[in-house]
């Protein structure tokens, strides 16, 4: 999925608080010209809409900066918010135009019904996302994990995943993604709690 956002160059000497009061969110674009960064502003309503559609380090964003005559693809690298008010403070974008491959975080999606659950087992899902390397135009929205063959006491590791073409996992291959443990021995969330989440 790709999202489009329009930004403006941040006026020299402008104060972040004053910008936020006027309905603008400070932002920074990194990597659009090598190591150079540029200070921007994004309309607060546009930023809120963006955050409903985009996921940090996962969603490709088409960034347009009309007053710099620049547009290109970027990842949302960081979102800063007020610790308890949850008000949006700052956005950071990273240009991927010149990158052959980028590191992104992709959520894992469990599919199938594990046979171990029918045997009374409890599902533990300690790893819910993966760090992967891929081309900027090949970022998967999620990676499916088929748990249908998992028996009681069974587990799936990172190295056992079936990955889409062009995706390289950066996490430890021995990391456990999901396991079916006997009732009473689990420490994580139950299948019902995961379904509610």
Protein backbone atom coordinates (compact mmCIF):
# COMPACT_ATOMS: atom_id res chain seq x y z
CA UNK A 1 0.00 0.00 0.00
CA UNK A 2 1.25 3.49 -0.84
CA UNK A 3 0.12 6.75 0.77
CA UNK A 4 0.64 10.30 -0.55
CA UNK A 5 1.43 13.30 1.66
CA UNK A 6 2.17 16.93 0.76
CA UNK A 7 4.68 18.92 2.84
CA UNK A 8 5.99 22.50 2.89
CA UNK A 9 9.48 23.73 3.66
CA UNK A 10 9.67 24.88 7.27
CA UNK A 11 10.27 28.67 7.55
CA UNK A 12 13.70 29.60 8.94
CA UNK A 13 13.64 30.30 12.68
CA UNK A 14 10.10 28.98 13.19
CA UNK A 15 9.36 27.52 16.62
CA UNK A 16 7.79 24.01 16.83
CA UNK A 17 5.21 25.14 19.47
CA UNK A 18 4.08 28.06 17.31
CA UNK A 19 3.81 25.76 14.28
CA UNK A 20 1.68 23.26 16.20
CA UNK A 21 -0.59 26.07 17.48
CA UNK A 22 -1.16 27.13 13.86
CA UNK A 23 -2.17 23.61 12.81
CA UNK A 24 1.18 22.48 11.37
CA UNK A 25 3.31 19.52 12.48
CA UNK A 26 7.12 19.84 12.19
CA UNK A 27 8.73 17.10 10.08
CA UNK A 28 12.15 16.18 8.70
CA UNK A 29 13.04 14.39 5.48
CA UNK A 30 16.37 12.53 5.55
CA UNK A 31 18.36 11.08 2.67
CA UNK A 32 16.73 12.92 -0.25
CA UNK A 33 20.16 14.26 -1.29
CA UNK A 34 22.70 11.89 0.24
CA UNK A 35 23.22 12.78 3.90
CA UNK A 36 21.36 16.09 3.60
CA UNK A 37 18.12 16.60 5.54
CA UNK A 38 15.38 19.17 5.07
CA UNK A 39 13.02 20.66 7.68
CA UNK A 40 9.35 20.55 6.70
CA UNK A 41 5.84 21.07 7.99
CA UNK A 42 2.77 18.91 7.44
CA UNK A 43 -0.80 20.06 7.93
CA UNK A 44 -2.00 18.54 11.26
CA UNK A 45 -5.14 17.00 9.70
CA UNK A 46 -3.03 15.53 6.84
CA UNK A 47 -0.59 14.09 9.42
CA UNK A 48 -3.43 12.49 11.43
CA UNK A 49 -4.88 10.94 8.26
CA UNK A 50 -1.40 9.70 7.30
CA UNK A 51 -0.96 7.96 10.67
CA UNK A 52 -4.26 6.10 10.21
CA UNK A 53 -2.98 4.65 6.91
CA UNK A 54 0.80 4.38 7.37
CA UNK A 55 2.84 2.14 9.66
CA UNK A 56 6.29 3.21 10.91
CA UNK A 57 9.09 1.48 8.94
CA UNK A 58 6.60 -0.40 6.76
CA UNK A 59 4.44 1.83 4.52
CA UNK A 60 5.88 3.47 1.40
CA UNK A 61 4.82 7.13 1.24
CA UNK A 62 4.86 9.40 -1.81
CA UNK A 63 6.15 12.69 -0.37
CA UNK A 64 5.51 15.89 -2.39
CA UNK A 65 7.27 19.17 -1.50
CA UNK A 66 5.99 21.73 -4.08
CA UNK A 67 8.07 24.68 -2.80
CA UNK A 68 11.26 22.60 -3.22
CA UNK A 69 10.06 21.05 -6.51
CA UNK A 70 10.81 17.63 -5.00
CA UNK A 71 8.77 14.49 -4.81
CA UNK A 72 9.83 10.94 -4.05
CA UNK A 73 9.23 7.77 -2.08
CA UNK A 74 9.92 7.69 1.64
CA UNK A 75 9.32 5.61 4.75
CA UNK A 76 7.87 7.04 7.95
CA UNK A 77 10.84 6.42 10.29
CA UNK A 78 9.68 8.03 13.54
CA UNK A 79 6.56 9.54 15.10
CA UNK A 80 7.01 11.69 18.21
CA UNK A 81 4.00 12.33 20.44
CA UNK A 82 3.39 13.97 23.82
CA UNK A 83 3.97 11.32 26.55
CA UNK A 84 0.42 11.43 27.97
CA UNK A 85 -1.64 13.83 25.84
CA UNK A 86 -0.78 11.75 22.75
CA UNK A 87 -0.66 14.99 20.73
CA UNK A 88 1.49 14.67 17.59
CA UNK A 89 4.84 16.51 17.91
CA UNK A 90 7.08 15.55 15.00
CA UNK A 91 7.39 13.21 12.01
CA UNK A 92 10.58 11.87 10.41
CA UNK A 93 10.67 10.59 6.81
CA UNK A 94 13.52 8.70 5.13
CA UNK A 95 13.84 8.91 1.36
CA UNK A 96 14.25 5.52 -0.31
CA UNK A 97 14.58 6.72 -3.92
CA UNK A 98 18.30 5.98 -4.14
CA UNK A 99 18.15 2.79 -2.07
CA UNK A 100 18.40 -0.66 -3.68
CA UNK A 101 17.14 -2.25 -0.47
CA UNK A 102 15.83 -1.01 2.85
CA UNK A 103 15.26 -2.43 6.34
CA UNK A 104 11.59 -2.51 7.33
CA UNK A 105 9.45 -4.08 10.05
CA UNK A 106 6.66 -6.36 8.81
CA UNK A 107 3.83 -7.75 10.98
CA UNK A 108 3.28 -11.51 11.11
CA UNK A 109 -0.22 -12.83 10.42
CA UNK A 110 -1.17 -16.26 11.77
CA UNK A 111 -3.30 -18.36 9.40
CA UNK A 112 -4.84 -21.82 9.81
CA UNK A 113 -5.97 -23.75 12.89
CA UNK A 114 -3.19 -25.51 14.80
CA UNK A 115 -3.98 -29.16 15.50
CA UNK A 116 -2.31 -28.74 18.92
CA UNK A 117 -5.11 -26.39 20.00
CA UNK A 118 -7.65 -29.17 19.41
CA UNK A 119 -5.50 -31.35 21.71
CA UNK A 120 -6.00 -28.77 24.50
CA UNK A 121 -2.79 -26.82 23.90
CA UNK A 122 -2.40 -23.05 24.33
CA UNK A 123 -0.99 -20.82 21.60
CA UNK A 124 1.99 -18.62 22.47
CA UNK A 125 2.98 -15.94 19.95
CA UNK A 126 6.14 -14.21 21.30
CA UNK A 127 7.21 -12.70 17.94
CA UNK A 128 4.53 -10.63 16.19
CA UNK A 129 6.77 -8.90 13.62
CA UNK A 130 9.93 -9.42 11.59
CA UNK A 131 12.73 -7.11 10.54
CA UNK A 132 13.39 -7.72 6.84
CA UNK A 133 15.46 -6.29 3.99
CA UNK A 134 13.76 -5.77 0.63
CA UNK A 135 13.44 -3.40 -2.32
CA UNK A 136 11.47 -0.20 -1.54
CA UNK A 137 8.72 -1.21 -3.99
CA UNK A 138 8.47 -4.75 -2.56
CA UNK A 139 7.46 -4.13 1.08
CA UNK A 140 4.93 -6.76 2.17
CA UNK A 141 2.00 -5.50 4.29
CA UNK A 142 2.32 -8.69 6.36
CA UNK A 143 3.89 -12.15 6.24
CA UNK A 144 1.57 -15.12 6.67
CA UNK A 145 2.54 -17.83 9.15
CA UNK A 146 0.71 -21.13 8.56
CA UNK A 147 0.19 -22.77 11.97
CA UNK A 148 -2.10 -25.61 10.79
CA UNK A 149 0.61 -28.31 11.16
CA UNK A 150 1.58 -27.36 14.73
CA UNK A 151 0.95 -30.16 17.24
CA UNK A 152 0.97 -29.91 21.03
CA UNK A 153 4.55 -29.04 22.04
CA UNK A 154 5.41 -27.87 18.51
CA UNK A 155 6.87 -24.50 17.54
CA UNK A 156 7.76 -22.51 14.42
CA UNK A 157 11.07 -20.64 14.10
CA UNK A 158 12.03 -17.72 11.86
CA UNK A 159 14.09 -20.00 9.56
CA UNK A 160 10.98 -22.14 8.88
CA UNK A 161 8.90 -19.28 7.46
CA UNK A 162 7.89 -19.27 3.80
CA UNK A 163 8.86 -15.77 2.64
CA UNK A 164 7.73 -13.78 -0.41
CA UNK A 165 10.33 -13.47 -3.21
CA UNK A 166 12.98 -10.79 -2.66
CA UNK A 167 12.59 -10.70 1.14
CA UNK A 168 15.58 -11.35 3.44
CA UNK A 169 15.00 -11.74 7.18
CA UNK A 170 17.34 -9.78 9.47
CA UNK A 171 16.18 -11.43 12.74
CA UNK A 172 17.87 -14.46 14.38
CA UNK A 173 16.80 -17.59 12.42
CA UNK A 174 16.33 -19.51 15.70
CA UNK A 175 13.80 -17.03 17.13
CA UNK A 176 10.50 -18.73 17.98
CA UNK A 177 7.52 -17.15 16.23
CA UNK A 178 4.72 -19.30 17.64
CA UNK A 179 4.39 -22.43 19.76
CA UNK A 180 1.65 -24.67 21.17
CA UNK A 181 2.28 -25.44 24.85
CA UNK A 182 0.40 -27.72 27.28
CA UNK A 183 -2.30 -25.94 29.32
CA UNK A 184 -1.03 -24.41 32.55
CA UNK A 185 2.54 -23.94 31.26
CA UNK A 186 2.04 -20.90 29.04
CA UNK A 187 3.34 -17.43 29.92
CA UNK A 188 1.98 -15.34 27.05
CA UNK A 189 -1.42 -14.54 25.62
CA UNK A 190 -3.99 -17.21 24.86
CA UNK A 191 -5.43 -17.67 21.38
CA UNK A 192 -8.66 -16.00 22.59
CA UNK A 193 -6.76 -12.97 23.93
CA UNK A 194 -4.81 -12.72 20.66
CA UNK A 195 -8.05 -12.90 18.69
CA UNK A 196 -9.52 -10.08 20.80
CA UNK A 197 -6.35 -8.00 20.31
